[in-house]
Amino acid sequence: MLYVALQEGRILHPIWLKVDASVMLNPDVRFSIGVAYQDGVEIIDHEKAADQIDFDVLFTRTDWNDPEIQKRLQMGEKTEVLIPDIIPLDMIIGQ
């Protein structure tokens, strides 16, 4: 989405915020394995996410040069975390 918005000139200078990963522990948070608004992409809760998302490859140090790890990483990078309301200021790192 950012790429298209930049190309169309709707966003000129994006700002990236580093957010504490514990925000995902909120029971109202949902996940998608793929672009959340795309047809056929299931929105899942914590329980299903624990079974379907490879959090290890996303949040631990792994050898990204290893072809098997690279495959896992590519799948994991398609994951979206869906925050229902707001991210508390104390969860934004380096503010």
PDB file of N, CA and C in Angstrom:
ATOM      1  N   MET A   1       0.808  -1.184   0.000  1.00  0.00           N
ATOM      2  CA  MET A   1       0.000   0.000   0.000  1.00  0.00           C
ATOM      3  C   MET A   1       0.859   1.259   0.000  1.00  0.00           C
ATOM      4  N   LEU A   2       1.935   1.247   0.777  1.00  0.00           N
ATOM      5  CA  LEU A   2       2.809   2.417   0.816  1.00  0.00           C
ATOM      6  C   LEU A   2       3.409   2.692  -0.550  1.00  0.00           C
ATOM      7  N   TYR A   3       3.846   1.647  -1.225  1.00  0.00           N
ATOM      8  CA  TYR A   3       4.475   1.815  -2.533  1.00  0.00           C
ATOM      9  C   TYR A   3       3.535   2.557  -3.486  1.00  0.00           C
ATOM     10  N   VAL A   4       2.296   2.144  -3.536  1.00  0.00           N
ATOM     11  CA  VAL A   4       1.325   2.769  -4.443  1.00  0.00           C
ATOM     12  C   VAL A   4       1.071   4.217  -4.018  1.00  0.00           C
ATOM     13  N   ALA A   5       0.902   4.437  -2.713  1.00  0.00           N
ATOM     14  CA  ALA A   5       0.654   5.799  -2.228  1.00  0.00           C
ATOM     15  C   ALA A   5       1.826   6.723  -2.552  1.00  0.00           C
ATOM     16  N   LEU A   6       3.051   6.221  -2.450  1.00  0.00           N
ATOM     17  CA  LEU A   6       4.217   7.024  -2.821  1.00  0.00           C
ATOM     18  C   LEU A   6       4.232   7.320  -4.312  1.00  0.00           C
ATOM     19  N   GLN A   7       3.941   6.316  -5.130  1.00  0.00           N
ATOM     20  CA  GLN A   7       3.934   6.489  -6.583  1.00  0.00           C
ATOM     21  C   GLN A   7       2.873   7.496  -7.021  1.00  0.00           C
ATOM     22  N   GLU A   8       1.737   7.479  -6.336  1.00  0.00           N
ATOM     23  CA  GLU A   8       0.646   8.393  -6.690  1.00  0.00           C
ATOM     24  C   GLU A   8       0.803   9.773  -6.060  1.00  0.00           C
ATOM     25  N   GLY A   9       1.787   9.938  -5.191  1.00  0.00           N
ATOM     26  CA  GLY A   9       2.019  11.230  -4.562  1.00  0.00           C
ATOM     27  C   GLY A   9       1.107  11.526  -3.386  1.00  0.00           C
ATOM     28  N   ARG A  10       0.348  10.543  -2.920  1.00  0.00           N
ATOM     29  CA  ARG A  10      -0.543  10.761  -1.772  1.00  0.00           C
ATOM     30  C   ARG A  10       0.233  10.834  -0.468  1.00  0.00           C
ATOM     31  N   ILE A  11       1.367  10.160  -0.404  1.00  0.00           N
ATOM     32  CA  ILE A  11       2.265  10.223   0.745  1.00  0.00           C
ATOM     33  C   ILE A  11       3.632  10.642   0.204  1.00  0.00           C
ATOM     34  N   LEU A  12       4.186  11.700   0.791  1.00  0.00           N
ATOM     35  CA  LEU A  12       5.475  12.194   0.307  1.00  0.00           C
ATOM     36  C   LEU A  12       6.635  11.743   1.178  1.00  0.00           C
ATOM     37  N   HIS A  13       6.451  11.782   2.492  1.00  0.00           N
ATOM     38  CA  HIS A  13       7.531  11.470   3.419  1.00  0.00           C
ATOM     39  C   HIS A  13       7.005  10.540   4.517  1.00  0.00           C
ATOM     40  N   PRO A  14       6.983   9.247   4.260  1.00  0.00           N
ATOM     41  CA  PRO A  14       6.463   8.325   5.282  1.00  0.00           C
ATOM     42  C   PRO A  14       7.355   8.315   6.523  1.00  0.00           C
ATOM     43  N   ILE A  15       6.738   8.055   7.647  1.00  0.00           N
ATOM     44  CA  ILE A  15       7.447   7.954   8.914  1.00  0.00           C
ATOM     45  C   ILE A  15       7.205   6.551   9.453  1.00  0.00           C
ATOM     46  N   TRP A  16       8.290   5.861   9.781  1.00  0.00           N
ATOM     47  CA  TRP A  16       8.198   4.511  10.327  1.00  0.00           C
ATOM     48  C   TRP A  16       8.335   4.597  11.839  1.00  0.00           C
ATOM     49  N   LEU A  17       7.420   3.964  12.549  1.00  0.00           N
ATOM     50  CA  LEU A  17       7.481   3.910  13.999  1.00  0.00           C
ATOM     51  C   LEU A  17       7.868   2.506  14.427  1.00  0.00           C
ATOM     52  N   LYS A  18       8.772   2.417  15.372  1.00  0.00           N
ATOM     53  CA  LYS A  18       9.134   1.127  15.945  1.00  0.00           C
ATOM     54  C   LYS A  18       8.210   0.897  17.140  1.00  0.00           C
ATOM     55  N   VAL A  19       7.478  -0.211  17.081  1.00  0.00           N
ATOM     56  CA  VAL A  19       6.483  -0.511  18.102  1.00  0.00           C
ATOM     57  C   VAL A  19       6.912  -1.758  18.865  1.00  0.00           C
ATOM     58  N   ASP A  20       6.771  -1.717  20.181  1.00  0.00           N
ATOM     59  CA  ASP A  20       7.103  -2.861  21.021  1.00  0.00           C
ATOM     60  C   ASP A  20       6.262  -4.064  20.587  1.00  0.00           C
ATOM     61  N   ALA A  21       6.925  -5.188  20.390  1.00  0.00           N
ATOM     62  CA  ALA A  21       6.238  -6.395  19.910  1.00  0.00           C
ATOM     63  C   ALA A  21       5.178  -6.890  20.882  1.00  0.00           C
ATOM     64  N   SER A  22       5.255  -6.482  22.151  1.00  0.00           N
ATOM     65  CA  SER A  22       4.254  -6.935  23.121  1.00  0.00           C
ATOM     66  C   SER A  22       2.857  -6.404  22.809  1.00  0.00           C
ATOM     67  N   VAL A  23       2.744  -5.451  21.897  1.00  0.00           N
ATOM     68  CA  VAL A  23       1.431  -4.962  21.492  1.00  0.00           C
ATOM     69  C   VAL A  23       0.587  -6.113  20.931  1.00  0.00           C
ATOM     70  N   MET A  24       1.263  -7.134  20.426  1.00  0.00           N
ATOM     71  CA  MET A  24       0.547  -8.284  19.853  1.00  0.00           C
ATOM     72  C   MET A  24      -0.101  -9.158  20.917  1.00  0.00           C
ATOM     73  N   LEU A  25       0.229  -8.930  22.186  1.00  0.00           N
ATOM     74  CA  LEU A  25      -0.349  -9.720  23.271  1.00  0.00           C
ATOM     75  C   LEU A  25      -1.744  -9.254  23.658  1.00  0.00           C
ATOM     76  N   ASN A  26      -2.151  -8.105  23.170  1.00  0.00           N
ATOM     77  CA  ASN A  26      -3.499  -7.605  23.436  1.00  0.00           C
ATOM     78  C   ASN A  26      -4.503  -8.633  22.913  1.00  0.00           C
ATOM     79  N   PRO A  27      -5.452  -9.084  23.744  1.00  0.00           N
ATOM     80  CA  PRO A  27      -6.387 -10.118  23.300  1.00  0.00           C
ATOM     81  C   PRO A  27      -7.290  -9.696  22.136  1.00  0.00           C
ATOM     82  N   ASP A  28      -7.412  -8.399  21.883  1.00  0.00           N
ATOM     83  CA  ASP A  28      -8.248  -7.928  20.777  1.00  0.00           C
ATOM     84  C   ASP A  28      -7.504  -7.879  19.447  1.00  0.00           C
ATOM     85  N   VAL A  29      -6.189  -8.056  19.479  1.00  0.00           N
ATOM     86  CA  VAL A  29      -5.387  -8.025  18.259  1.00  0.00           C
ATOM     87  C   VAL A  29      -5.701  -9.260  17.421  1.00  0.00           C
ATOM     88  N   ARG A  30      -5.767  -9.075  16.107  1.00  0.00           N
ATOM     89  CA  ARG A  30      -5.996 -10.173  15.168  1.00  0.00           C
ATOM     90  C   ARG A  30      -4.836 -10.195  14.182  1.00  0.00           C
ATOM     91  N   PHE A  31      -4.736 -11.273  13.438  1.00  0.00           N
ATOM     92  CA  PHE A  31      -3.647 -11.471  12.493  1.00  0.00           C
ATOM     93  C   PHE A  31      -4.210 -11.936  11.164  1.00  0.00           C
ATOM     94  N   SER A  32      -3.467 -11.679  10.107  1.00  0.00           N
ATOM     95  CA  SER A  32      -3.800 -12.255   8.807  1.00  0.00           C
ATOM     96  C   SER A  32      -2.512 -12.778   8.186  1.00  0.00           C
ATOM     97  N   ILE A  33      -2.641 -13.843   7.450  1.00  0.00           N
ATOM     98  CA  ILE A  33      -1.476 -14.387   6.748  1.00  0.00           C
ATOM     99  C   ILE A  33      -1.643 -13.957   5.299  1.00  0.00           C
ATOM    100  N   GLY A  34      -1.225 -12.750   5.032  1.00  0.00           N
ATOM    101  CA  GLY A  34      -1.419 -12.130   3.730  1.00  0.00           C
ATOM    102  C   GLY A  34      -2.051 -10.773   3.929  1.00  0.00           C
ATOM    103  N   VAL A  35      -2.269 -10.070   2.849  1.00  0.00           N
ATOM    104  CA  VAL A  35      -2.878  -8.737   2.902  1.00  0.00           C
ATOM    105  C   VAL A  35      -4.296  -8.878   3.439  1.00  0.00           C
ATOM    106  N   ALA A  36      -4.564  -8.231   4.573  1.00  0.00           N
ATOM    107  CA  ALA A  36      -5.807  -8.446   5.304  1.00  0.00           C
ATOM    108  C   ALA A  36      -7.060  -8.141   4.491  1.00  0.00           C
ATOM    109  N   TYR A  37      -7.009  -7.169   3.613  1.00  0.00           N
ATOM    110  CA  TYR A  37      -8.210  -6.788   2.869  1.00  0.00           C
ATOM    111  C   TYR A  37      -8.374  -7.577   1.567  1.00  0.00           C
ATOM    112  N   GLN A  38      -7.456  -8.461   1.270  1.00  0.00           N
ATOM    113  CA  GLN A  38      -7.525  -9.257   0.043  1.00  0.00           C
ATOM    114  C   GLN A  38      -8.586 -10.351   0.189  1.00  0.00           C
ATOM    115  N   ASP A  39      -9.301 -10.635  -0.887  1.00  0.00           N
ATOM    116  CA  ASP A  39     -10.312 -11.688  -0.860  1.00  0.00           C
ATOM    117  C   ASP A  39      -9.705 -13.011  -0.438  1.00  0.00           C
ATOM    118  N   GLY A  40     -10.412 -13.711   0.424  1.00  0.00           N
ATOM    119  CA  GLY A  40     -10.008 -15.047   0.815  1.00  0.00           C
ATOM    120  C   GLY A  40      -8.978 -15.120   1.923  1.00  0.00           C
ATOM    121  N   VAL A  41      -8.502 -13.994   2.423  1.00  0.00           N
ATOM    122  CA  VAL A  41      -7.526 -14.006   3.507  1.00  0.00           C
ATOM    123  C   VAL A  41      -8.282 -14.060   4.826  1.00  0.00           C
ATOM    124  N   GLU A  42      -7.966 -15.068   5.619  1.00  0.00           N
ATOM    125  CA  GLU A  42      -8.647 -15.274   6.893  1.00  0.00           C
ATOM    126  C   GLU A  42      -8.030 -14.396   7.973  1.00  0.00           C
ATOM    127  N   ILE A  43      -8.890 -13.776   8.770  1.00  0.00           N
ATOM    128  CA  ILE A  43      -8.459 -13.009   9.933  1.00  0.00           C
ATOM    129  C   ILE A  43      -8.529 -13.974  11.109  1.00  0.00           C
ATOM    130  N   ILE A  44      -7.402 -14.126  11.817  1.00  0.00           N
ATOM    131  CA  ILE A  44      -7.338 -15.134  12.871  1.00  0.00           C
ATOM    132  C   ILE A  44      -7.009 -14.516  14.230  1.00  0.00           C
ATOM    133  N   ASP A  45      -7.357 -15.246  15.286  1.00  0.00           N
ATOM    134  CA  ASP A  45      -7.080 -14.791  16.646  1.00  0.00           C
ATOM    135  C   ASP A  45      -5.728 -15.334  17.110  1.00  0.00           C
ATOM    136  N   HIS A  46      -5.393 -15.053  18.376  1.00  0.00           N
ATOM    137  CA  HIS A  46      -4.103 -15.471  18.930  1.00  0.00           C
ATOM    138  C   HIS A  46      -3.889 -16.978  18.848  1.00  0.00           C
ATOM    139  N   GLU A  47      -4.920 -17.714  19.188  1.00  0.00           N
ATOM    140  CA  GLU A  47      -4.793 -19.172  19.238  1.00  0.00           C
ATOM    141  C   GLU A  47      -4.410 -19.745  17.869  1.00  0.00           C
ATOM    142  N   LYS A  48      -5.123 -19.326  16.836  1.00  0.00           N
ATOM    143  CA  LYS A  48      -4.801 -19.801  15.486  1.00  0.00           C
ATOM    144  C   LYS A  48      -3.463 -19.244  15.012  1.00  0.00           C
ATOM    145  N   ALA A  49      -3.160 -18.002  15.393  1.00  0.00           N
ATOM    146  CA  ALA A  49      -1.897 -17.391  14.975  1.00  0.00           C
ATOM    147  C   ALA A  49      -0.713 -18.177  15.514  1.00  0.00           C
ATOM    148  N   ALA A  50      -0.823 -18.661  16.743  1.00  0.00           N
ATOM    149  CA  ALA A  50       0.268 -19.432  17.343  1.00  0.00           C
ATOM    150  C   ALA A  50       0.548 -20.697  16.540  1.00  0.00           C
ATOM    151  N   ASP A  51      -0.493 -21.251  15.922  1.00  0.00           N
ATOM    152  CA  ASP A  51      -0.340 -22.470  15.121  1.00  0.00           C
ATOM    153  C   ASP A  51       0.069 -22.186  13.674  1.00  0.00           C
ATOM    154  N   GLN A  52      -0.313 -21.021  13.132  1.00  0.00           N
ATOM    155  CA  GLN A  52      -0.164 -20.775  11.699  1.00  0.00           C
ATOM    156  C   GLN A  52       0.948 -19.803  11.319  1.00  0.00           C
ATOM    157  N   ILE A  53       1.421 -18.982  12.264  1.00  0.00           N
ATOM    158  CA  ILE A  53       2.433 -17.978  11.947  1.00  0.00           C
ATOM    159  C   ILE A  53       3.764 -18.405  12.564  1.00  0.00           C
ATOM    160  N   ASP A  54       4.815 -18.313  11.796  1.00  0.00           N
ATOM    161  CA  ASP A  54       6.158 -18.693  12.241  1.00  0.00           C
ATOM    162  C   ASP A  54       6.808 -17.509  12.951  1.00  0.00           C
ATOM    163  N   PHE A  55       6.414 -17.288  14.210  1.00  0.00           N
ATOM    164  CA  PHE A  55       6.945 -16.161  14.971  1.00  0.00           C
ATOM    165  C   PHE A  55       8.438 -16.313  15.235  1.00  0.00           C
ATOM    166  N   ASP A  56       8.920 -17.542  15.313  1.00  0.00           N
ATOM    167  CA  ASP A  56      10.352 -17.759  15.571  1.00  0.00           C
ATOM    168  C   ASP A  56      11.218 -17.106  14.503  1.00  0.00           C
ATOM    169  N   VAL A  57      10.874 -17.301  13.245  1.00  0.00           N
ATOM    170  CA  VAL A  57      11.699 -16.743  12.169  1.00  0.00           C
ATOM    171  C   VAL A  57      11.556 -15.219  12.099  1.00  0.00           C
ATOM    172  N   LEU A  58      10.440 -14.697  12.602  1.00  0.00           N
ATOM    173  CA  LEU A  58      10.228 -13.253  12.573  1.00  0.00           C
ATOM    174  C   LEU A  58      10.899 -12.526  13.738  1.00  0.00           C
ATOM    175  N   PHE A  59      11.000 -13.196  14.902  1.00  0.00           N
ATOM    176  CA  PHE A  59      11.444 -12.486  16.101  1.00  0.00           C
ATOM    177  C   PHE A  59      12.689 -13.045  16.765  1.00  0.00           C
ATOM    178  N   THR A  60      13.314 -14.029  16.178  1.00  0.00           N
ATOM    179  CA  THR A  60      14.566 -14.521  16.744  1.00  0.00           C
ATOM    180  C   THR A  60      15.659 -14.442  15.687  1.00  0.00           C
ATOM    181  N   ARG A  61      16.878 -14.479  16.143  1.00  0.00           N
ATOM    182  CA  ARG A  61      18.017 -14.404  15.235  1.00  0.00           C
ATOM    183  C   ARG A  61      18.134 -15.727  14.476  1.00  0.00           C
ATOM    184  N   THR A  62      18.063 -15.654  13.167  1.00  0.00           N
ATOM    185  CA  THR A  62      18.192 -16.844  12.318  1.00  0.00           C
ATOM    186  C   THR A  62      19.131 -16.518  11.158  1.00  0.00           C
ATOM    187  N   ASP A  63      19.606 -17.539  10.498  1.00  0.00           N
ATOM    188  CA  ASP A  63      20.504 -17.365   9.356  1.00  0.00           C
ATOM    189  C   ASP A  63      19.669 -17.153   8.096  1.00  0.00           C
ATOM    190  N   TRP A  64      19.470 -15.889   7.733  1.00  0.00           N
ATOM    191  CA  TRP A  64      18.623 -15.577   6.584  1.00  0.00           C
ATOM    192  C   TRP A  64      19.256 -15.982   5.263  1.00  0.00           C
ATOM    193  N   ASN A  65      20.493 -16.418   5.274  1.00  0.00           N
ATOM    194  CA  ASN A  65      21.125 -16.916   4.052  1.00  0.00           C
ATOM    195  C   ASN A  65      20.757 -18.373   3.777  1.00  0.00           C
ATOM    196  N   ASP A  66      20.282 -19.066   4.797  1.00  0.00           N
ATOM    197  CA  ASP A  66      19.849 -20.453   4.652  1.00  0.00           C
ATOM    198  C   ASP A  66      18.573 -20.475   3.810  1.00  0.00           C
ATOM    199  N   PRO A  67      18.535 -21.226   2.696  1.00  0.00           N
ATOM    200  CA  PRO A  67      17.359 -21.239   1.814  1.00  0.00           C
ATOM    201  C   PRO A  67      16.060 -21.629   2.531  1.00  0.00           C
ATOM    202  N   GLU A  68      16.138 -22.566   3.458  1.00  0.00           N
ATOM    203  CA  GLU A  68      14.927 -22.972   4.191  1.00  0.00           C
ATOM    204  C   GLU A  68      14.430 -21.849   5.097  1.00  0.00           C
ATOM    205  N   ILE A  69      15.360 -21.183   5.773  1.00  0.00           N
ATOM    206  CA  ILE A  69      15.002 -20.038   6.621  1.00  0.00           C
ATOM    207  C   ILE A  69      14.447 -18.914   5.748  1.00  0.00           C
ATOM    208  N   GLN A  70      15.050 -18.678   4.589  1.00  0.00           N
ATOM    209  CA  GLN A  70      14.596 -17.637   3.671  1.00  0.00           C
ATOM    210  C   GLN A  70      13.149 -17.894   3.239  1.00  0.00           C
ATOM    211  N   LYS A  71      12.807 -19.152   2.986  1.00  0.00           N
ATOM    212  CA  LYS A  71      11.444 -19.518   2.598  1.00  0.00           C
ATOM    213  C   LYS A  71      10.468 -19.231   3.751  1.00  0.00           C
ATOM    214  N   ARG A  72      10.872 -19.606   4.961  1.00  0.00           N
ATOM    215  CA  ARG A  72      10.036 -19.343   6.139  1.00  0.00           C
ATOM    216  C   ARG A  72       9.861 -17.846   6.347  1.00  0.00           C
ATOM    217  N   LEU A  73      10.932 -17.094   6.160  1.00  0.00           N
ATOM    218  CA  LEU A  73      10.892 -15.651   6.345  1.00  0.00           C
ATOM    219  C   LEU A  73       9.954 -14.994   5.336  1.00  0.00           C
ATOM    220  N   GLN A  74      10.025 -15.421   4.092  1.00  0.00           N
ATOM    221  CA  GLN A  74       9.158 -14.848   3.058  1.00  0.00           C
ATOM    222  C   GLN A  74       7.688 -15.079   3.387  1.00  0.00           C
ATOM    223  N   MET A  75       7.372 -16.245   3.920  1.00  0.00           N
ATOM    224  CA  MET A  75       5.988 -16.513   4.333  1.00  0.00           C
ATOM    225  C   MET A  75       5.614 -15.643   5.537  1.00  0.00           C
ATOM    226  N   GLY A  76       6.522 -15.546   6.502  1.00  0.00           N
ATOM    227  CA  GLY A  76       6.258 -14.761   7.700  1.00  0.00           C
ATOM    228  C   GLY A  76       6.075 -13.285   7.428  1.00  0.00           C
ATOM    229  N   GLU A  77       6.793 -12.772   6.449  1.00  0.00           N
ATOM    230  CA  GLU A  77       6.696 -11.343   6.124  1.00  0.00           C
ATOM    231  C   GLU A  77       5.353 -10.967   5.518  1.00  0.00           C
ATOM    232  N   LYS A  78       4.576 -11.935   5.132  1.00  0.00           N
ATOM    233  CA  LYS A  78       3.236 -11.657   4.598  1.00  0.00           C
ATOM    234  C   LYS A  78       2.222 -11.464   5.706  1.00  0.00           C
ATOM    235  N   THR A  79       2.620 -11.754   6.936  1.00  0.00           N
ATOM    236  CA  THR A  79       1.725 -11.632   8.081  1.00  0.00           C
ATOM    237  C   THR A  79       1.415 -10.170   8.370  1.00  0.00           C
ATOM    238  N   GLU A  80       0.159  -9.892   8.680  1.00  0.00           N
ATOM    239  CA  GLU A  80      -0.222  -8.555   9.122  1.00  0.00           C
ATOM    240  C   GLU A  80      -0.782  -8.650  10.529  1.00  0.00           C
ATOM    241  N   VAL A  81      -0.422  -7.692  11.354  1.00  0.00           N
ATOM    242  CA  VAL A  81      -0.944  -7.581  12.712  1.00  0.00           C
ATOM    243  C   VAL A  81      -2.000  -6.485  12.679  1.00  0.00           C
ATOM    244  N   LEU A  82      -3.192  -6.816  13.117  1.00  0.00           N
ATOM    245  CA  LEU A  82      -4.316  -5.887  13.038  1.00  0.00           C
ATOM    246  C   LEU A  82      -4.662  -5.380  14.438  1.00  0.00           C
ATOM    247  N   ILE A  83      -4.343  -4.124  14.687  1.00  0.00           N
ATOM    248  CA  ILE A  83      -4.575  -3.487  15.986  1.00  0.00           C
ATOM    249  C   ILE A  83      -5.963  -2.859  15.955  1.00  0.00           C
ATOM    250  N   PRO A  84      -6.836  -3.203  16.911  1.00  0.00           N
ATOM    251  CA  PRO A  84      -8.234  -2.765  16.830  1.00  0.00           C
ATOM    252  C   PRO A  84      -8.465  -1.282  17.088  1.00  0.00           C
ATOM    253  N   ASP A  85      -7.691  -0.663  17.940  1.00  0.00           N
ATOM    254  CA  ASP A  85      -7.960   0.729  18.292  1.00  0.00           C
ATOM    255  C   ASP A  85      -6.705   1.583  18.117  1.00  0.00           C
ATOM    256  N   ILE A  86      -5.975   1.740  19.185  1.00  0.00           N
ATOM    257  CA  ILE A  86      -4.770   2.574  19.155  1.00  0.00           C
ATOM    258  C   ILE A  86      -3.588   1.803  19.736  1.00  0.00           C
ATOM    259  N   ILE A  87      -2.408   2.279  19.454  1.00  0.00           N
ATOM    260  CA  ILE A  87      -1.201   1.758  20.090  1.00  0.00           C
ATOM    261  C   ILE A  87      -0.821   2.763  21.168  1.00  0.00           C
ATOM    262  N   PRO A  88      -0.791   2.339  22.434  1.00  0.00           N
ATOM    263  CA  PRO A  88      -0.443   3.274  23.509  1.00  0.00           C
ATOM    264  C   PRO A  88       0.938   3.894  23.280  1.00  0.00           C
ATOM    265  N   LEU A  89       1.098   5.141  23.644  1.00  0.00           N
ATOM    266  CA  LEU A  89       2.356   5.853  23.437  1.00  0.00           C
ATOM    267  C   LEU A  89       3.538   5.148  24.070  1.00  0.00           C
ATOM    268  N   ASP A  90       3.324   4.490  25.219  1.00  0.00           N
ATOM    269  CA  ASP A  90       4.447   3.832  25.872  1.00  0.00           C
ATOM    270  C   ASP A  90       4.918   2.579  25.126  1.00  0.00           C
ATOM    271  N   MET A  91       4.193   2.171  24.089  1.00  0.00           N
ATOM    272  CA  MET A  91       4.601   1.034  23.275  1.00  0.00           C
ATOM    273  C   MET A  91       5.330   1.475  21.993  1.00  0.00           C
ATOM    274  N   ILE A  92       5.403   2.784  21.780  1.00  0.00           N
ATOM    275  CA  ILE A  92       6.154   3.301  20.646  1.00  0.00           C
ATOM    276  C   ILE A  92       7.573   3.573  21.136  1.00  0.00           C
ATOM    277  N   ILE A  93       8.539   2.877  20.540  1.00  0.00           N
ATOM    278  CA  ILE A  93       9.922   2.930  20.994  1.00  0.00           C
ATOM    279  C   ILE A  93      10.632   4.128  20.381  1.00  0.00           C
ATOM    280  N   GLY A  94      11.391   4.848  21.228  1.00  0.00           N
ATOM    281  CA  GLY A  94      12.192   5.961  20.735  1.00  0.00           C
ATOM    282  C   GLY A  94      11.418   7.214  20.454  1.00  0.00           C
ATOM    283  N   GLN A  95      10.305   7.381  21.126  1.00  0.00           N
ATOM    284  CA  GLN A  95       9.476   8.568  20.887  1.00  0.00           C
ATOM    285  C   GLN A  95      10.028   9.814  21.503  1.00  0.00           C
TER     286      GLN A  95
END
